[in-house]
Amino acid sequence: MKTGISVLIFIGLFIWLGNLQILNFSRDWPLILIFLGVITLFSAFKKRKRYKIISDLEKGKISAREAEKRLRDTTSHP
């Protein structure tokens, strides 16, 4: 959900800067693709990290407290 909000904010900012003629859509459209790609990568890495923590907890490799601490650490960083 945070990814969707970030995308909407970026699109709004991009349109606003286009209206101010700071950005040119026909020239700067690759920036949108790059930004969306970077957001998607970060989101995927976060999900993968959370999945690994849950997997380690289920396998008994870490305690519930350790899993909670690690999950909080992953969600506290933007």
Foldseek 3Di string as FASTA:
>chain_A
DVLVVVLVVVVVVVVVCVVVVVDDCVPCVVVSVVVNVVSVVVVVVLVVQLVVLVVCCVVVVDDPVVSVVSNVVSVVPD
